[in-house]
């Protein structure tokens, strides 16, 4: 909570604190909270949950950290509970994975799909299909440093496909960034990406 208060050592790192529902309930009820040593799983001491919450808020206001990870929500929505509970995320808490998991990321340049002053949805759809297959193949050809990594990633086959070049695309199409036309196009592109990625993933996984 206080690691950034008076020390610049971690100034370029994101720090987050895992918070379960039971802690938030203790804050609400002005109850106590037990602090545990993660190395030996022994209790250290009890503190007022609200006091701990106030320290969290004050530090976040002062330094921008820590962020909060509502771990109960993570467990409720994790896609592979049969592999065990997710224990943590990356330092910025944008991504939660099973232990030894990873996610292959890729982006499609939208501006490359502008043809004859229009956005070519079919060409974009073809790119989505190709990229899903490419990212899936990366799982098979990747050289993992640990056997546990190879096993987990071969089972989950996580990929993350996104887009870039949105502003360039709108400029090429002469569409104002904050216009209804831009929003409508964004919805169409997002739908094509989502539906195409799910469809191709289903086909690919069926043959793995």
Protein backbone atom coordinates (compact mmCIF):
# COMPACT_ATOMS: atom_id res chain seq x y z
CA UNK A 1 0.00 0.00 0.00
CA UNK A 2 2.73 2.44 0.97
CA UNK A 3 5.59 1.26 -1.24
CA UNK A 4 5.46 4.44 -3.35
CA UNK A 5 4.84 6.94 -0.58
CA UNK A 6 8.43 8.11 -0.08
CA UNK A 7 10.44 5.97 -2.47
CA UNK A 8 10.95 6.42 -6.22
CA UNK A 9 12.30 2.88 -6.73
CA UNK A 10 8.95 1.57 -8.00
CA UNK A 11 7.71 4.77 -9.65
CA UNK A 12 7.51 3.11 -13.08
CA UNK A 13 5.64 0.04 -11.84
CA UNK A 14 1.92 -0.49 -11.43
CA UNK A 15 0.98 -1.84 -8.01
CA UNK A 16 -2.35 -3.51 -7.23
CA UNK A 17 -3.89 -5.05 -4.12
CA UNK A 18 -6.13 -8.12 -4.25
CA UNK A 19 -9.43 -7.46 -2.47
CA UNK A 20 -12.04 -10.20 -1.86
CA UNK A 21 -15.72 -9.54 -1.16
CA UNK A 22 -15.20 -10.49 2.48
CA UNK A 23 -12.82 -7.56 2.92
CA UNK A 24 -15.31 -5.08 1.45
CA UNK A 25 -17.98 -6.52 3.78
CA UNK A 26 -15.63 -6.01 6.74
CA UNK A 27 -15.10 -2.38 5.66
CA UNK A 28 -18.86 -1.86 5.46
CA UNK A 29 -19.46 -3.48 8.85
CA UNK A 30 -16.44 -1.79 10.51
CA UNK A 31 -15.04 -5.22 11.25
CA UNK A 32 -11.51 -6.56 11.68
CA UNK A 33 -9.28 -8.03 8.99
CA UNK A 34 -6.56 -10.60 9.52
CA UNK A 35 -3.20 -10.02 7.82
CA UNK A 36 -1.44 -13.21 6.70
CA UNK A 37 2.16 -13.93 5.83
CA UNK A 38 2.01 -15.44 2.30
CA UNK A 39 5.26 -17.34 2.83
CA UNK A 40 4.11 -19.52 5.71
CA UNK A 41 0.33 -18.81 5.67
CA UNK A 42 0.47 -17.73 9.30
CA UNK A 43 -1.58 -14.85 10.70
CA UNK A 44 0.45 -11.77 11.59
CA UNK A 45 -2.09 -9.48 13.25
CA UNK A 46 -5.59 -8.11 13.00
CA UNK A 47 -6.42 -4.58 11.90
CA UNK A 48 -9.57 -2.56 11.40
CA UNK A 49 -10.70 -3.14 7.83
CA UNK A 50 -11.87 0.46 7.48
CA UNK A 51 -8.48 1.76 8.60
CA UNK A 52 -6.79 -0.39 5.95
CA UNK A 53 -9.32 0.85 3.37
CA UNK A 54 -8.61 4.49 4.29
CA UNK A 55 -4.88 3.88 3.86
CA UNK A 56 -5.54 2.33 0.44
CA UNK A 57 -7.57 5.34 -0.65
CA UNK A 58 -5.10 7.91 0.70
CA UNK A 59 -2.14 6.20 -0.98
CA UNK A 60 -4.02 5.91 -4.28
CA UNK A 61 -4.82 9.62 -4.10
CA UNK A 62 -1.20 10.48 -3.24
CA UNK A 63 0.70 8.27 -5.68
CA UNK A 64 -1.85 6.79 -8.10
CA UNK A 65 -1.33 3.35 -6.55
CA UNK A 66 -2.34 0.84 -5.43
CA UNK A 67 -5.10 -0.20 -7.75
CA UNK A 68 -7.69 -2.74 -6.63
CA UNK A 69 -8.25 -6.26 -7.95
CA UNK A 70 -11.69 -7.54 -6.98
CA UNK A 71 -10.61 -11.16 -6.95
CA UNK A 72 -14.11 -12.50 -6.22
CA UNK A 73 -15.27 -11.11 -9.59
CA UNK A 74 -12.23 -12.68 -11.25
CA UNK A 75 -13.11 -16.10 -9.86
CA UNK A 76 -16.77 -15.76 -10.81
CA UNK A 77 -15.93 -15.02 -14.46
CA UNK A 78 -12.77 -17.06 -15.08
CA UNK A 79 -13.19 -19.13 -18.25
CA UNK A 80 -11.33 -22.25 -17.07
CA UNK A 81 -12.22 -22.94 -13.42
CA UNK A 82 -11.32 -26.59 -13.93
CA UNK A 83 -7.67 -25.50 -14.09
CA UNK A 84 -7.78 -23.93 -10.62
CA UNK A 85 -8.43 -20.44 -9.35
CA UNK A 86 -6.62 -17.52 -10.94
CA UNK A 87 -4.24 -16.13 -8.31
CA UNK A 88 -3.05 -12.86 -9.84
CA UNK A 89 -2.86 -10.65 -12.88
CA UNK A 90 -0.09 -8.76 -14.59
CA UNK A 91 1.31 -5.73 -12.70
CA UNK A 92 -1.30 -3.41 -14.20
CA UNK A 93 -4.10 -5.91 -13.55
CA UNK A 94 -5.41 -5.69 -17.11
CA UNK A 95 -4.96 -9.42 -17.73
CA UNK A 96 -5.79 -12.36 -15.45
CA UNK A 97 -4.46 -15.77 -16.39
CA UNK A 98 -4.10 -19.19 -14.89
CA UNK A 99 -0.69 -19.95 -13.41
CA UNK A 100 1.84 -20.39 -16.23
CA UNK A 101 -0.63 -18.95 -18.75
CA UNK A 102 0.09 -16.34 -21.40
CA UNK A 103 -1.77 -14.60 -24.20
CA UNK A 104 -0.51 -14.16 -27.76
CA UNK A 105 -1.43 -10.68 -28.94
CA UNK A 106 -1.80 -9.27 -32.43
CA UNK A 107 -3.31 -6.20 -34.08
CA UNK A 108 -4.80 -5.60 -37.51
CA UNK A 109 -4.04 -2.27 -39.20
CA UNK A 110 -7.46 -0.93 -40.18
CA UNK A 111 -5.97 1.64 -42.55
CA UNK A 112 -4.73 -1.17 -44.80
CA UNK A 113 -8.35 -2.07 -45.49
CA UNK A 114 -9.40 1.26 -47.00
CA UNK A 115 -9.95 0.79 -50.73
CA UNK A 116 -11.49 3.22 -53.20
CA UNK A 117 -12.37 5.64 -50.37
CA UNK A 118 -14.37 2.98 -48.50
CA UNK A 119 -13.67 0.43 -45.78
CA UNK A 120 -13.50 -3.07 -47.24
CA UNK A 121 -15.35 -5.20 -44.70
CA UNK A 122 -14.76 -8.43 -46.62
CA UNK A 123 -11.01 -7.85 -46.77
CA UNK A 124 -11.05 -7.09 -43.04
CA UNK A 125 -13.03 -10.26 -42.36
CA UNK A 126 -10.42 -12.26 -44.29
CA UNK A 127 -7.65 -10.63 -42.24
CA UNK A 128 -9.43 -11.56 -39.01
CA UNK A 129 -9.60 -15.21 -40.05
CA UNK A 130 -5.96 -15.26 -41.13
CA UNK A 131 -4.75 -13.58 -37.93
CA UNK A 132 -6.67 -15.96 -35.66
CA UNK A 133 -5.05 -18.91 -37.42
CA UNK A 134 -1.63 -17.24 -37.25
CA UNK A 135 -1.87 -16.50 -33.52
CA UNK A 136 -3.04 -20.05 -32.83
CA UNK A 137 -0.08 -21.43 -34.78
CA UNK A 138 2.26 -19.36 -32.62
CA UNK A 139 1.24 -21.53 -29.66
CA UNK A 140 2.52 -24.61 -31.47
CA UNK A 141 5.81 -23.18 -32.77
CA UNK A 142 6.72 -21.15 -29.69
CA UNK A 143 9.68 -22.36 -27.63
CA UNK A 144 8.61 -22.15 -23.97
CA UNK A 145 11.33 -21.91 -21.28
CA UNK A 146 9.33 -24.13 -18.89
CA UNK A 147 7.38 -27.32 -19.49
CA UNK A 148 4.56 -25.95 -17.29
CA UNK A 149 4.22 -23.00 -19.66
CA UNK A 150 4.07 -25.23 -22.70
CA UNK A 151 1.44 -27.49 -21.13
CA UNK A 152 -0.83 -24.66 -19.95
CA UNK A 153 -0.65 -22.70 -23.20
CA UNK A 154 -1.26 -25.79 -25.29
CA UNK A 155 -4.45 -26.40 -23.29
CA UNK A 156 -5.84 -22.86 -23.17
CA UNK A 157 -4.50 -21.53 -26.51
CA UNK A 158 -5.24 -17.93 -25.52
CA UNK A 159 -5.01 -15.28 -28.21
CA UNK A 160 -5.83 -11.59 -28.20
CA UNK A 161 -6.66 -9.96 -31.53
CA UNK A 162 -7.17 -6.21 -31.70
CA UNK A 163 -6.94 -3.34 -34.15
CA UNK A 164 -4.85 -0.23 -34.71
CA UNK A 165 -4.83 2.63 -37.19
CA UNK A 166 -8.35 3.86 -36.38
CA UNK A 167 -7.53 7.56 -36.62
CA UNK A 168 -5.65 7.02 -39.90
CA UNK A 169 -8.63 5.10 -41.27
CA UNK A 170 -11.06 7.89 -40.46
CA UNK A 171 -8.73 10.46 -41.99
CA UNK A 172 -8.47 8.44 -45.20
CA UNK A 173 -12.27 8.13 -45.31
CA UNK A 174 -12.72 11.83 -44.44
CA UNK A 175 -14.95 10.91 -41.49
CA UNK A 176 -14.85 13.16 -38.39
CA UNK A 177 -13.53 11.31 -35.35
CA UNK A 178 -16.44 12.22 -33.07
CA UNK A 179 -19.23 11.78 -35.63
CA UNK A 180 -22.14 9.35 -35.65
CA UNK A 181 -20.74 7.95 -38.89
CA UNK A 182 -17.49 7.08 -37.09
CA UNK A 183 -19.38 5.39 -34.27
CA UNK A 184 -21.45 3.38 -36.72
CA UNK A 185 -18.35 2.24 -38.60
CA UNK A 186 -16.66 1.32 -35.32
CA UNK A 187 -19.64 -0.85 -34.38
CA UNK A 188 -19.57 -2.59 -37.77
CA UNK A 189 -15.83 -3.24 -37.54
CA UNK A 190 -16.11 -4.50 -33.95
CA UNK A 191 -18.92 -6.88 -34.91
CA UNK A 192 -16.92 -8.23 -37.84
CA UNK A 193 -13.89 -8.73 -35.61
CA UNK A 194 -15.80 -10.44 -32.80
CA UNK A 195 -17.93 -12.71 -34.96
CA UNK A 196 -15.07 -13.59 -37.31
CA UNK A 197 -12.65 -14.36 -34.48
CA UNK A 198 -15.14 -16.60 -32.67
CA UNK A 199 -16.06 -18.41 -35.87
CA UNK A 200 -12.47 -19.08 -36.91
CA UNK A 201 -11.45 -20.03 -33.35
CA UNK A 202 -14.23 -22.60 -33.28
CA UNK A 203 -13.02 -24.13 -36.54
CA UNK A 204 -9.36 -24.08 -35.52
CA UNK A 205 -9.92 -25.60 -32.08
CA UNK A 206 -12.07 -28.34 -33.62
CA UNK A 207 -9.00 -29.58 -35.50
CA UNK A 208 -6.40 -29.14 -32.73
